[in-house]
Amino acid sequence: MRDSVHQQGRTSLAVCDCGKLHFRYGMFTIHFAPDEFAAFARDVCGLAAVFSRHLNRNGVSRVVDHDQTTCH
C-alpha cells in the first residue's frame, strides 16, 4: 500500500502500488481503477439521497427491492 488517502471509522481509501484504489468498509476490500471508484461513489451518493428522501417521507420501513434479491 502506497498512500492512505482517507480513513473514517471503518471506512478507508488507499492507493496501491499498482495504482488502483483500495476501498475498505469493515472486513470488505474492493479494488478500483480511479475512474471506476468515481463512478461507484457517484452511484452510492445517489442511492443515499434516494434512501434519505424515502426515510423523510415514510419513516423507517421496508425499501422496495426491484431486483427480488433475498436478504441473508
C-alpha atoms as a PDB file:
ATOM      1  CA  MET A   1       0.000   0.000   0.000  1.00  0.00           C
ATOM      2  CA  ARG A   2       1.445   3.325  -1.005  1.00  0.00           C
ATOM      3  CA  ASP A   3      -0.652   6.167   0.397  1.00  0.00           C
ATOM      4  CA  SER A   4      -3.637   6.333   2.687  1.00  0.00           C
ATOM      5  CA  VAL A   5      -5.993   8.840   1.097  1.00  0.00           C
ATOM      6  CA  HIS A   6      -8.607   8.919   3.832  1.00  0.00           C
ATOM      7  CA  GLN A   7      -9.845   6.959   6.816  1.00  0.00           C
ATOM      8  CA  GLN A   8     -13.069   7.485   8.726  1.00  0.00           C
ATOM      9  CA  GLY A   9     -14.384   4.928  11.191  1.00  0.00           C
ATOM     10  CA  ARG A  10     -14.453   1.547   9.488  1.00  0.00           C
ATOM     11  CA  THR A  11     -14.107   3.051   6.013  1.00  0.00           C
ATOM     12  CA  SER A  12     -10.773   3.789   4.351  1.00  0.00           C
ATOM     13  CA  LEU A  13      -9.401   4.594   0.924  1.00  0.00           C
ATOM     14  CA  ALA A  14      -5.792   3.980  -0.074  1.00  0.00           C
ATOM     15  CA  VAL A  15      -3.716   3.987  -3.259  1.00  0.00           C
ATOM     16  CA  CYS A  16      -1.950   0.706  -4.008  1.00  0.00           C
ATOM     17  CA  ASP A  17       1.499   0.408  -5.592  1.00  0.00           C
ATOM     18  CA  CYS A  18      -0.268  -0.824  -8.741  1.00  0.00           C
ATOM     19  CA  GLY A  19      -2.174   2.494  -8.973  1.00  0.00           C
ATOM     20  CA  LYS A  20      -5.578   1.081  -8.034  1.00  0.00           C
ATOM     21  CA  LEU A  21      -7.629   2.332  -5.128  1.00  0.00           C
ATOM     22  CA  HIS A  22      -8.394   0.047  -2.211  1.00  0.00           C
ATOM     23  CA  PHE A  23     -11.764   0.942  -0.702  1.00  0.00           C
ATOM     24  CA  ARG A  24     -12.280  -0.778   2.639  1.00  0.00           C
ATOM     25  CA  TYR A  25     -15.524  -0.981   4.544  1.00  0.00           C
ATOM     26  CA  GLY A  26     -15.209  -3.128   7.643  1.00  0.00           C
ATOM     27  CA  MET A  27     -13.921  -6.524   6.551  1.00  0.00           C
ATOM     28  CA  PHE A  28     -14.579  -5.913   2.830  1.00  0.00           C
ATOM     29  CA  THR A  29     -11.998  -4.510   0.424  1.00  0.00           C
ATOM     30  CA  ILE A  30     -12.834  -3.557  -3.149  1.00  0.00           C
ATOM     31  CA  HIS A  31     -10.104  -2.679  -5.651  1.00  0.00           C
ATOM     32  CA  PHE A  32     -10.981   0.018  -8.183  1.00  0.00           C
ATOM     33  CA  ALA A  33      -9.360   1.823 -11.054  1.00  0.00           C
ATOM     34  CA  PRO A  34      -9.677   5.558 -10.260  1.00  0.00           C
ATOM     35  CA  ASP A  35     -12.466   6.131 -12.809  1.00  0.00           C
ATOM     36  CA  GLU A  36     -14.368   3.062 -11.555  1.00  0.00           C
ATOM     37  CA  PHE A  37     -14.190   4.354  -7.983  1.00  0.00           C
ATOM     38  CA  ALA A  38     -15.515   7.768  -9.039  1.00  0.00           C
ATOM     39  CA  ALA A  39     -18.481   6.086 -10.786  1.00  0.00           C
ATOM     40  CA  PHE A  40     -19.111   3.836  -7.754  1.00  0.00           C
ATOM     41  CA  ALA A  41     -19.012   6.815  -5.379  1.00  0.00           C
ATOM     42  CA  ARG A  42     -21.486   8.772  -7.535  1.00  0.00           C
ATOM     43  CA  ASP A  43     -23.860   5.788  -7.613  1.00  0.00           C
ATOM     44  CA  VAL A  44     -23.679   5.280  -3.838  1.00  0.00           C
ATOM     45  CA  CYS A  45     -24.269   9.013  -3.245  1.00  0.00           C
ATOM     46  CA  GLY A  46     -27.338   8.830  -5.473  1.00  0.00           C
ATOM     47  CA  LEU A  47     -28.671   5.789  -3.613  1.00  0.00           C
ATOM     48  CA  ALA A  48     -28.063   7.508  -0.270  1.00  0.00           C
ATOM     49  CA  ALA A  49     -30.062  10.528  -1.453  1.00  0.00           C
ATOM     50  CA  VAL A  50     -32.962   8.318  -2.588  1.00  0.00           C
ATOM     51  CA  PHE A  51     -32.917   6.433   0.712  1.00  0.00           C
ATOM     52  CA  SER A  52     -32.820   9.676   2.703  1.00  0.00           C
ATOM     53  CA  ARG A  53     -35.844  11.031   0.828  1.00  0.00           C
ATOM     54  CA  HIS A  54     -37.653   7.728   1.411  1.00  0.00           C
ATOM     55  CA  LEU A  55     -36.965   7.916   5.157  1.00  0.00           C
ATOM     56  CA  ASN A  56     -38.154  11.518   5.352  1.00  0.00           C
ATOM     57  CA  ARG A  57     -41.447  10.612   3.652  1.00  0.00           C
ATOM     58  CA  ASN A  58     -42.127   7.205   5.150  1.00  0.00           C
ATOM     59  CA  GLY A  59     -40.039   6.831   8.278  1.00  0.00           C
ATOM     60  CA  VAL A  60     -38.253   3.540   8.760  1.00  0.00           C
ATOM     61  CA  SER A  61     -39.955   0.933   6.612  1.00  0.00           C
ATOM     62  CA  ARG A  62     -39.142  -1.721   4.066  1.00  0.00           C
ATOM     63  CA  VAL A  63     -37.499  -0.370   0.936  1.00  0.00           C
ATOM     64  CA  VAL A  64     -38.936  -1.898  -2.242  1.00  0.00           C
ATOM     65  CA  ASP A  65     -36.433  -4.301  -3.799  1.00  0.00           C
ATOM     66  CA  HIS A  66     -36.944  -4.260  -7.559  1.00  0.00           C
ATOM     67  CA  ASP A  67     -34.317  -6.968  -8.156  1.00  0.00           C
ATOM     68  CA  GLN A  68     -36.083  -9.538  -5.953  1.00  0.00           C
ATOM     69  CA  THR A  69     -32.891 -10.293  -4.010  1.00  0.00           C
ATOM     70  CA  THR A  70     -33.102 -12.137  -0.712  1.00  0.00           C
ATOM     71  CA  CYS A  71     -31.543 -10.740   2.439  1.00  0.00           C
ATOM     72  CA  HIS A  72     -29.470 -13.326   4.307  1.00  0.00           C
END
